[in-house]
Amino acid sequence: MNARFYEEAVTQFYGKRKLGSSPICSMDFYAPFFDSICQNLHDVETLDRLSDKEKWENLFPFRQEIMDKNHTVVVTDAAINIVYATQNMYFMNGYKPEEIIGKKPTLFQGKGTCQETKQLISKAIKNRVPFEVVLVNYKKNGAPYQCKIKGAPIWNKDGKLVNFIAFEKEVA
């Protein structure tokens, strides 16, 4: 395969998106990286469409949160059922987004999850206010991890609560 044609095709296909160019050293290394960029861009576009569909009052910088900060994004409905999760969820905790749609985020909690922190989250959700916490969550394989979560209610342009959003990242 001629790398010049590959680069030209990528530039043409993703030209309107703000991707930096990356030299192809080895497809073994580049292909997974390129695939993750494509998945992240797809997530950004899907979240933008969801915000348009639900007529969210506030816009979120999804590109910055996902591409630059490498946050996992989880969106729930007003009843706290997961309606969307970004593909990078799998790298954080081993769950594929399609495995958790329709479930509650408490799926990730376990015996080591701090009760006080859980109550703080519940209170923030009940009072419909933003929150930021670090708590112990559990991966699909049962391993614990520290998860920093920045959550917030989402209102539509008519002032109705339509979703909650969480920006999550595994921390040391």
N, C-alpha and C. Protein backbone atom coordinates (compact mmCIF):
# COMPACT_ATOMS: atom_id res chain seq x y z
N MET A 1 0.85 -1.18 0.00
CA MET A 1 0.00 0.00 0.00
C MET A 1 0.89 1.23 0.00
N ASN A 2 0.54 2.19 -0.79
CA ASN A 2 1.30 3.42 -0.88
C ASN A 2 0.82 4.37 0.23
N ALA A 3 1.69 4.71 1.15
CA ALA A 3 1.32 5.53 2.30
C ALA A 3 0.84 6.92 1.89
N ARG A 4 1.37 7.45 0.80
CA ARG A 4 0.95 8.78 0.36
C ARG A 4 -0.54 8.79 0.02
N PHE A 5 -1.01 7.75 -0.67
CA PHE A 5 -2.43 7.67 -1.03
C PHE A 5 -3.30 7.48 0.21
N TYR A 6 -2.79 6.72 1.15
CA TYR A 6 -3.52 6.52 2.40
C TYR A 6 -3.68 7.85 3.13
N GLU A 7 -2.59 8.58 3.27
CA GLU A 7 -2.64 9.89 3.94
C GLU A 7 -3.58 10.84 3.22
N GLU A 8 -3.56 10.83 1.89
CA GLU A 8 -4.45 11.70 1.12
C GLU A 8 -5.92 11.32 1.34
N ALA A 9 -6.20 10.03 1.37
CA ALA A 9 -7.57 9.56 1.60
C ALA A 9 -8.04 9.95 3.00
N VAL A 10 -7.19 9.77 3.98
CA VAL A 10 -7.54 10.15 5.36
C VAL A 10 -7.79 11.64 5.45
N THR A 11 -6.92 12.43 4.84
CA THR A 11 -7.08 13.89 4.86
C THR A 11 -8.37 14.30 4.19
N GLN A 12 -8.70 13.67 3.08
CA GLN A 12 -9.92 14.02 2.37
C GLN A 12 -11.15 13.61 3.20
N PHE A 13 -11.13 12.42 3.76
CA PHE A 13 -12.27 11.94 4.52
C PHE A 13 -12.49 12.73 5.81
N TYR A 14 -11.39 13.01 6.52
CA TYR A 14 -11.50 13.68 7.81
C TYR A 14 -11.09 15.15 7.73
N GLY A 15 -11.02 15.69 6.53
CA GLY A 15 -10.53 17.05 6.33
C GLY A 15 -11.26 18.11 7.13
N LYS A 16 -12.56 17.99 7.29
CA LYS A 16 -13.34 19.00 8.02
C LYS A 16 -13.24 18.83 9.52
N ARG A 17 -12.74 17.69 9.94
CA ARG A 17 -12.55 17.45 11.37
C ARG A 17 -11.15 17.91 11.74
N LYS A 18 -10.97 18.33 12.95
CA LYS A 18 -9.69 18.88 13.38
C LYS A 18 -8.77 17.78 13.89
N LEU A 19 -8.28 16.96 13.00
CA LEU A 19 -7.35 15.90 13.36
C LEU A 19 -5.94 16.35 13.03
N GLY A 20 -5.03 16.13 13.94
CA GLY A 20 -3.63 16.36 13.62
C GLY A 20 -3.13 15.19 12.81
N SER A 21 -2.16 15.41 11.98
CA SER A 21 -1.64 14.30 11.20
C SER A 21 -0.66 13.50 12.04
N SER A 22 -0.61 12.23 11.76
CA SER A 22 0.31 11.34 12.47
C SER A 22 1.06 10.53 11.43
N PRO A 23 2.36 10.48 11.53
CA PRO A 23 3.12 9.70 10.57
C PRO A 23 2.86 8.21 10.79
N ILE A 24 2.85 7.49 9.70
CA ILE A 24 2.64 6.05 9.79
C ILE A 24 4.00 5.38 9.96
N CYS A 25 4.27 4.93 11.15
CA CYS A 25 5.52 4.21 11.42
C CYS A 25 5.28 2.73 11.23
N SER A 26 4.18 2.26 11.73
CA SER A 26 3.82 0.86 11.61
C SER A 26 2.31 0.76 11.76
N MET A 27 1.67 0.09 10.84
CA MET A 27 0.22 -0.05 10.93
C MET A 27 -0.19 -0.79 12.20
N ASP A 28 0.69 -1.63 12.73
CA ASP A 28 0.37 -2.34 13.97
C ASP A 28 0.16 -1.37 15.12
N PHE A 29 0.90 -0.28 15.12
CA PHE A 29 0.76 0.72 16.17
C PHE A 29 -0.27 1.77 15.81
N TYR A 30 -0.28 2.16 14.55
CA TYR A 30 -1.13 3.27 14.13
C TYR A 30 -2.60 2.89 14.03
N ALA A 31 -2.91 1.70 13.54
CA ALA A 31 -4.29 1.30 13.31
C ALA A 31 -5.15 1.36 14.57
N PRO A 32 -4.71 0.81 15.72
CA PRO A 32 -5.54 0.93 16.93
C PRO A 32 -5.72 2.39 17.37
N PHE A 33 -4.66 3.18 17.24
CA PHE A 33 -4.74 4.60 17.58
C PHE A 33 -5.75 5.30 16.67
N PHE A 34 -5.66 5.05 15.38
CA PHE A 34 -6.56 5.65 14.41
C PHE A 34 -7.99 5.21 14.68
N ASP A 35 -8.19 3.94 15.01
CA ASP A 35 -9.52 3.42 15.32
C ASP A 35 -10.11 4.12 16.54
N SER A 36 -9.29 4.35 17.57
CA SER A 36 -9.80 5.02 18.77
C SER A 36 -10.17 6.47 18.47
N ILE A 37 -9.41 7.13 17.60
CA ILE A 37 -9.76 8.50 17.19
C ILE A 37 -11.11 8.49 16.47
N CYS A 38 -11.29 7.54 15.57
CA CYS A 38 -12.55 7.45 14.84
C CYS A 38 -13.72 7.20 15.79
N GLN A 39 -13.54 6.30 16.76
CA GLN A 39 -14.60 6.04 17.74
C GLN A 39 -14.90 7.28 18.56
N ASN A 40 -13.86 7.99 18.99
CA ASN A 40 -14.06 9.21 19.77
C ASN A 40 -14.80 10.27 18.96
N LEU A 41 -14.44 10.43 17.69
CA LEU A 41 -15.14 11.39 16.83
C LEU A 41 -16.59 11.00 16.64
N HIS A 42 -16.84 9.71 16.51
CA HIS A 42 -18.22 9.23 16.40
C HIS A 42 -19.00 9.56 17.67
N ASP A 43 -18.39 9.36 18.82
CA ASP A 43 -19.05 9.69 20.09
C ASP A 43 -19.35 11.18 20.19
N VAL A 44 -18.41 12.02 19.78
CA VAL A 44 -18.64 13.47 19.81
C VAL A 44 -19.85 13.83 18.94
N GLU A 45 -19.89 13.28 17.74
CA GLU A 45 -21.00 13.56 16.83
C GLU A 45 -22.33 13.03 17.39
N THR A 46 -22.31 11.84 17.97
CA THR A 46 -23.54 11.26 18.53
C THR A 46 -24.04 12.09 19.70
N LEU A 47 -23.15 12.53 20.57
CA LEU A 47 -23.55 13.36 21.70
C LEU A 47 -24.08 14.71 21.23
N ASP A 48 -23.48 15.28 20.20
CA ASP A 48 -24.00 16.53 19.64
C ASP A 48 -25.42 16.34 19.10
N ARG A 49 -25.65 15.21 18.43
CA ARG A 49 -26.99 14.92 17.90
C ARG A 49 -27.99 14.70 19.05
N LEU A 50 -27.55 14.00 20.11
CA LEU A 50 -28.42 13.78 21.26
C LEU A 50 -28.81 15.11 21.91
N SER A 51 -27.84 16.01 22.04
CA SER A 51 -28.14 17.31 22.65
C SER A 51 -29.11 18.11 21.78
N ASP A 52 -28.99 18.00 20.46
CA ASP A 52 -29.94 18.67 19.56
C ASP A 52 -31.33 18.05 19.68
N LYS A 53 -31.36 16.72 19.67
CA LYS A 53 -32.64 16.00 19.75
C LYS A 53 -33.39 16.33 21.03
N GLU A 54 -32.67 16.33 22.15
CA GLU A 54 -33.30 16.59 23.45
C GLU A 54 -33.43 18.09 23.75
N LYS A 55 -32.89 18.91 22.84
CA LYS A 55 -32.95 20.38 22.97
C LYS A 55 -32.34 20.86 24.29
N TRP A 56 -31.10 20.35 24.55
CA TRP A 56 -30.42 20.74 25.78
C TRP A 56 -30.20 22.24 25.81
N GLU A 57 -30.43 22.82 26.97
CA GLU A 57 -30.24 24.26 27.14
C GLU A 57 -28.76 24.64 27.05
N ASN A 58 -27.91 23.86 27.69
CA ASN A 58 -26.46 24.14 27.68
C ASN A 58 -25.76 23.17 26.74
N LEU A 59 -24.77 23.69 26.05
CA LEU A 59 -23.95 22.85 25.19
C LEU A 59 -22.68 22.47 25.93
N PHE A 60 -22.22 21.27 25.73
CA PHE A 60 -21.02 20.78 26.39
C PHE A 60 -19.90 20.66 25.37
N PRO A 61 -18.67 20.90 25.79
CA PRO A 61 -17.53 20.77 24.88
C PRO A 61 -17.10 19.31 24.74
N PHE A 62 -17.93 18.51 24.06
CA PHE A 62 -17.67 17.08 23.97
C PHE A 62 -16.33 16.76 23.34
N ARG A 63 -15.97 17.50 22.30
CA ARG A 63 -14.69 17.23 21.64
C ARG A 63 -13.54 17.39 22.63
N GLN A 64 -13.57 18.46 23.40
CA GLN A 64 -12.51 18.70 24.38
C GLN A 64 -12.53 17.63 25.47
N GLU A 65 -13.70 17.30 25.97
CA GLU A 65 -13.80 16.33 27.06
C GLU A 65 -13.34 14.94 26.63
N ILE A 66 -13.72 14.53 25.42
CA ILE A 66 -13.41 13.18 24.95
C ILE A 66 -12.03 13.11 24.30
N MET A 67 -11.77 14.01 23.37
CA MET A 67 -10.52 13.94 22.59
C MET A 67 -9.31 14.45 23.38
N ASP A 68 -9.48 15.56 24.09
CA ASP A 68 -8.35 16.17 24.78
C ASP A 68 -8.16 15.64 26.20
N LYS A 69 -9.25 15.51 26.94
CA LYS A 69 -9.16 15.09 28.34
C LYS A 69 -9.36 13.59 28.53
N ASN A 70 -9.74 12.90 27.47
CA ASN A 70 -9.94 11.45 27.50
C ASN A 70 -10.97 11.03 28.55
N HIS A 71 -12.02 11.83 28.72
CA HIS A 71 -13.09 11.48 29.64
C HIS A 71 -14.04 10.48 28.99
N THR A 72 -14.56 9.60 29.81
CA THR A 72 -15.68 8.76 29.42
C THR A 72 -16.93 9.55 29.75
N VAL A 73 -17.89 9.56 28.85
CA VAL A 73 -19.12 10.31 29.07
C VAL A 73 -20.28 9.32 29.19
N VAL A 74 -21.07 9.51 30.25
CA VAL A 74 -22.26 8.69 30.47
C VAL A 74 -23.44 9.64 30.58
N VAL A 75 -24.50 9.34 29.81
CA VAL A 75 -25.73 10.14 29.85
C VAL A 75 -26.85 9.23 30.32
N THR A 76 -27.62 9.73 31.28
CA THR A 76 -28.79 8.99 31.75
C THR A 76 -30.05 9.79 31.44
N ASP A 77 -31.18 9.14 31.53
CA ASP A 77 -32.44 9.86 31.44
C ASP A 77 -32.72 10.46 32.82
N ALA A 78 -33.86 11.10 32.97
CA ALA A 78 -34.19 11.75 34.25
C ALA A 78 -34.36 10.72 35.38
N ALA A 79 -34.66 9.48 35.04
CA ALA A 79 -34.82 8.42 36.05
C ALA A 79 -33.51 7.69 36.33
N ILE A 80 -32.40 8.20 35.82
CA ILE A 80 -31.04 7.69 36.03
C ILE A 80 -30.80 6.32 35.37
N ASN A 81 -31.45 6.08 34.26
CA ASN A 81 -31.16 4.90 33.44
C ASN A 81 -30.20 5.34 32.35
N ILE A 82 -29.13 4.59 32.13
CA ILE A 82 -28.12 4.97 31.14
C ILE A 82 -28.72 4.90 29.74
N VAL A 83 -28.61 6.01 29.00
CA VAL A 83 -29.10 6.06 27.62
C VAL A 83 -27.95 6.15 26.62
N TYR A 84 -26.77 6.55 27.09
CA TYR A 84 -25.62 6.61 26.19
C TYR A 84 -24.33 6.57 27.01
N ALA A 85 -23.33 5.89 26.46
CA ALA A 85 -21.99 5.87 27.05
C ALA A 85 -21.00 5.84 25.89
N THR A 86 -19.91 6.56 26.05
CA THR A 86 -18.91 6.60 24.99
C THR A 86 -18.15 5.29 24.91
N GLN A 87 -17.57 5.05 23.73
CA GLN A 87 -16.87 3.79 23.47
C GLN A 87 -15.66 3.58 24.39
N ASN A 88 -15.05 4.68 24.85
CA ASN A 88 -13.87 4.53 25.70
C ASN A 88 -14.21 4.00 27.09
N MET A 89 -15.49 3.80 27.35
CA MET A 89 -15.93 3.15 28.59
C MET A 89 -15.22 1.80 28.73
N TYR A 90 -15.08 1.09 27.63
CA TYR A 90 -14.47 -0.24 27.64
C TYR A 90 -13.05 -0.21 28.18
N PHE A 91 -12.30 0.83 27.85
CA PHE A 91 -10.90 0.91 28.30
C PHE A 91 -10.81 1.29 29.78
N MET A 92 -11.85 1.94 30.30
CA MET A 92 -11.85 2.33 31.70
C MET A 92 -12.27 1.18 32.60
N ASN A 93 -13.31 0.45 32.19
CA ASN A 93 -13.81 -0.56 33.12
C ASN A 93 -14.22 -1.90 32.50
N GLY A 94 -14.00 -2.08 31.22
CA GLY A 94 -14.26 -3.37 30.60
C GLY A 94 -15.68 -3.58 30.10
N TYR A 95 -16.57 -2.63 30.35
CA TYR A 95 -17.93 -2.74 29.85
C TYR A 95 -18.04 -2.07 28.48
N LYS A 96 -18.70 -2.74 27.56
CA LYS A 96 -19.03 -2.12 26.28
C LYS A 96 -20.30 -1.30 26.49
N PRO A 97 -20.42 -0.16 25.83
CA PRO A 97 -21.61 0.67 26.05
C PRO A 97 -22.93 -0.08 25.90
N GLU A 98 -23.02 -0.96 24.92
CA GLU A 98 -24.28 -1.68 24.70
C GLU A 98 -24.64 -2.60 25.87
N GLU A 99 -23.67 -2.96 26.71
CA GLU A 99 -23.93 -3.82 27.86
C GLU A 99 -24.58 -3.06 29.01
N ILE A 100 -24.45 -1.74 29.02
CA ILE A 100 -24.93 -0.97 30.17
C ILE A 100 -26.13 -0.08 29.86
N ILE A 101 -26.50 0.03 28.59
CA ILE A 101 -27.65 0.85 28.23
C ILE A 101 -28.89 0.28 28.93
N GLY A 102 -29.65 1.19 29.55
CA GLY A 102 -30.86 0.79 30.28
C GLY A 102 -30.61 0.46 31.74
N LYS A 103 -29.35 0.36 32.13
CA LYS A 103 -29.02 0.05 33.53
C LYS A 103 -28.69 1.32 34.29
N LYS A 104 -28.63 1.21 35.59
CA LYS A 104 -28.30 2.34 36.47
C LYS A 104 -26.78 2.37 36.67
N PRO A 105 -26.21 3.57 36.86
CA PRO A 105 -24.77 3.67 37.11
C PRO A 105 -24.31 2.96 38.39
N THR A 106 -25.23 2.63 39.27
CA THR A 106 -24.86 1.89 40.48
C THR A 106 -24.32 0.51 40.14
N LEU A 107 -24.49 0.09 38.89
CA LEU A 107 -23.91 -1.16 38.40
C LEU A 107 -22.41 -1.21 38.66
N PHE A 108 -21.75 -0.06 38.65
CA PHE A 108 -20.30 0.00 38.82
C PHE A 108 -19.86 0.01 40.28
N GLN A 109 -20.80 0.12 41.21
CA GLN A 109 -20.46 0.22 42.62
C GLN A 109 -20.41 -1.16 43.27
N GLY A 110 -19.75 -1.21 44.43
CA GLY A 110 -19.63 -2.47 45.14
C GLY A 110 -19.32 -2.25 46.60
N LYS A 111 -18.80 -3.30 47.24
CA LYS A 111 -18.59 -3.25 48.70
C LYS A 111 -17.60 -2.18 49.13
N GLY A 112 -16.66 -1.82 48.30
CA GLY A 112 -15.67 -0.80 48.66
C GLY A 112 -16.07 0.62 48.31
N THR A 113 -17.25 0.79 47.75
CA THR A 113 -17.72 2.13 47.39
C THR A 113 -18.20 2.83 48.66
N CYS A 114 -17.69 4.01 48.90
CA CYS A 114 -17.99 4.78 50.10
C CYS A 114 -19.48 5.16 50.17
N GLN A 115 -20.12 4.80 51.27
CA GLN A 115 -21.54 5.10 51.46
C GLN A 115 -21.80 6.61 51.50
N GLU A 116 -20.90 7.35 52.14
CA GLU A 116 -21.07 8.80 52.23
C GLU A 116 -21.02 9.44 50.85
N THR A 117 -20.12 8.96 50.02
CA THR A 117 -20.00 9.51 48.67
C THR A 117 -21.24 9.15 47.85
N LYS A 118 -21.73 7.92 48.01
CA LYS A 118 -22.96 7.52 47.32
C LYS A 118 -24.13 8.41 47.74
N GLN A 119 -24.20 8.73 49.03
CA GLN A 119 -25.27 9.59 49.53
C GLN A 119 -25.13 11.00 48.98
N LEU A 120 -23.89 11.48 48.86
CA LEU A 120 -23.65 12.81 48.29
C LEU A 120 -24.15 12.87 46.85
N ILE A 121 -23.87 11.82 46.07
CA ILE A 121 -24.34 11.75 44.69
C ILE A 121 -25.87 11.71 44.65
N SER A 122 -26.46 10.87 45.48
CA SER A 122 -27.92 10.75 45.52
C SER A 122 -28.58 12.08 45.88
N LYS A 123 -27.99 12.76 46.83
CA LYS A 123 -28.54 14.06 47.25
C LYS A 123 -28.43 15.08 46.10
N ALA A 124 -27.30 15.10 45.42
CA ALA A 124 -27.12 16.03 44.29
C ALA A 124 -28.13 15.73 43.18
N ILE A 125 -28.36 14.45 42.90
CA ILE A 125 -29.33 14.07 41.87
C ILE A 125 -30.74 14.47 42.31
N LYS A 126 -31.06 14.19 43.55
CA LYS A 126 -32.39 14.54 44.07
C LYS A 126 -32.61 16.05 44.02
N ASN A 127 -31.56 16.82 44.37
CA ASN A 127 -31.67 18.29 44.37
C ASN A 127 -31.39 18.90 42.99
N ARG A 128 -31.03 18.03 42.03
CA ARG A 128 -30.78 18.46 40.66
C ARG A 128 -29.69 19.52 40.56
N VAL A 129 -28.56 19.21 41.21
CA VAL A 129 -27.41 20.11 41.19
C VAL A 129 -26.16 19.34 40.74
N PRO A 130 -25.17 20.04 40.19
CA PRO A 130 -23.93 19.38 39.78
C PRO A 130 -23.17 18.82 40.98
N PHE A 131 -22.32 17.86 40.72
CA PHE A 131 -21.48 17.28 41.77
C PHE A 131 -20.16 16.84 41.16
N GLU A 132 -19.16 16.71 42.04
CA GLU A 132 -17.85 16.20 41.63
C GLU A 132 -17.32 15.36 42.78
N VAL A 133 -17.03 14.09 42.49
CA VAL A 133 -16.56 13.16 43.51
C VAL A 133 -15.51 12.22 42.93
N VAL A 134 -14.79 11.58 43.83
CA VAL A 134 -13.95 10.44 43.47
C VAL A 134 -14.45 9.29 44.34
N LEU A 135 -14.76 8.16 43.69
CA LEU A 135 -15.22 7.02 44.45
C LEU A 135 -14.67 5.73 43.86
N VAL A 136 -14.77 4.68 44.64
CA VAL A 136 -14.33 3.37 44.17
C VAL A 136 -15.47 2.77 43.35
N ASN A 137 -15.16 2.48 42.10
CA ASN A 137 -16.06 1.74 41.23
C ASN A 137 -15.42 0.40 40.94
N TYR A 138 -16.15 -0.47 40.25
CA TYR A 138 -15.64 -1.80 39.95
C TYR A 138 -15.72 -2.08 38.45
N LYS A 139 -14.64 -2.64 37.95
CA LYS A 139 -14.59 -3.03 36.54
C LYS A 139 -15.43 -4.28 36.33
N LYS A 140 -15.67 -4.61 35.09
CA LYS A 140 -16.45 -5.80 34.76
C LYS A 140 -15.82 -7.06 35.35
N ASN A 141 -14.50 -7.10 35.43
CA ASN A 141 -13.81 -8.27 35.98
C ASN A 141 -13.77 -8.26 37.51
N GLY A 142 -14.38 -7.26 38.15
CA GLY A 142 -14.44 -7.18 39.61
C GLY A 142 -13.34 -6.37 40.26
N ALA A 143 -12.36 -5.91 39.48
CA ALA A 143 -11.26 -5.12 40.04
C ALA A 143 -11.74 -3.71 40.38
N PRO A 144 -11.35 -3.21 41.56
CA PRO A 144 -11.75 -1.85 41.93
C PRO A 144 -10.86 -0.82 41.22
N TYR A 145 -11.42 0.37 41.04
CA TYR A 145 -10.64 1.49 40.52
C TYR A 145 -11.22 2.79 41.05
N GLN A 146 -10.36 3.79 41.16
CA GLN A 146 -10.79 5.12 41.60
C GLN A 146 -11.33 5.87 40.38
N CYS A 147 -12.54 6.35 40.50
CA CYS A 147 -13.20 7.03 39.39
C CYS A 147 -13.57 8.45 39.79
N LYS A 148 -13.04 9.41 39.05
CA LYS A 148 -13.42 10.80 39.27
C LYS A 148 -14.62 11.08 38.38
N ILE A 149 -15.70 11.58 38.98
CA ILE A 149 -16.94 11.83 38.26
C ILE A 149 -17.37 13.28 38.46
N LYS A 150 -17.60 13.94 37.35
CA LYS A 150 -18.20 15.28 37.35
C LYS A 150 -19.56 15.13 36.71
N GLY A 151 -20.61 15.22 37.53
CA GLY A 151 -21.97 15.02 37.04
C GLY A 151 -22.79 16.28 37.12
N ALA A 152 -23.82 16.34 36.26
CA ALA A 152 -24.68 17.52 36.23
C ALA A 152 -26.03 17.18 35.62
N PRO A 153 -27.07 17.87 36.08
CA PRO A 153 -28.38 17.71 35.43
C PRO A 153 -28.37 18.45 34.09
N ILE A 154 -29.20 17.99 33.18
CA ILE A 154 -29.34 18.65 31.89
C ILE A 154 -30.80 19.05 31.71
N TRP A 155 -30.99 20.32 31.44
CA TRP A 155 -32.32 20.89 31.24
C TRP A 155 -32.51 21.16 29.75
N ASN A 156 -33.75 21.01 29.29
CA ASN A 156 -33.99 21.40 27.91
C ASN A 156 -34.33 22.89 27.86
N LYS A 157 -34.53 23.40 26.66
CA LYS A 157 -34.76 24.84 26.49
C LYS A 157 -36.08 25.30 27.09
N ASP A 158 -36.96 24.34 27.43
CA ASP A 158 -38.23 24.67 28.09
C ASP A 158 -38.11 24.60 29.61
N GLY A 159 -36.91 24.30 30.12
CA GLY A 159 -36.69 24.24 31.57
C GLY A 159 -37.03 22.90 32.20
N LYS A 160 -37.24 21.87 31.39
CA LYS A 160 -37.57 20.54 31.90
C LYS A 160 -36.29 19.72 32.04
N LEU A 161 -36.17 19.00 33.16
CA LEU A 161 -35.04 18.09 33.36
C LEU A 161 -35.20 16.92 32.40
N VAL A 162 -34.20 16.72 31.51
CA VAL A 162 -34.30 15.65 30.52
C VAL A 162 -33.24 14.57 30.69
N ASN A 163 -32.07 14.94 31.17
CA ASN A 163 -30.96 13.99 31.30
C ASN A 163 -30.06 14.40 32.44
N PHE A 164 -29.16 13.48 32.79
CA PHE A 164 -28.00 13.77 33.63
C PHE A 164 -26.79 13.36 32.81
N ILE A 165 -25.68 14.05 33.03
CA ILE A 165 -24.46 13.72 32.31
C ILE A 165 -23.32 13.57 33.32
N ALA A 166 -22.43 12.64 33.04
CA ALA A 166 -21.26 12.45 33.89
C ALA A 166 -20.02 12.33 33.00
N PHE A 167 -19.01 13.08 33.37
CA PHE A 167 -17.69 13.00 32.74
C PHE A 167 -16.82 12.22 33.72
N GLU A 168 -16.32 11.08 33.30
CA GLU A 168 -15.63 10.17 34.21
C GLU A 168 -14.22 9.87 33.72
N LYS A 169 -13.35 9.60 34.69
CA LYS A 169 -11.98 9.22 34.36
C LYS A 169 -11.39 8.43 35.52
N GLU A 170 -10.67 7.38 35.17
CA GLU A 170 -9.96 6.61 36.19
C GLU A 170 -8.78 7.45 36.67
N VAL A 171 -8.62 7.53 37.99
CA VAL A 171 -7.51 8.30 38.58
C VAL A 171 -6.73 7.40 39.52
N ALA A 172 -5.51 7.82 39.79
CA ALA A 172 -4.64 7.03 40.67
C ALA A 172 -5.01 7.25 42.12
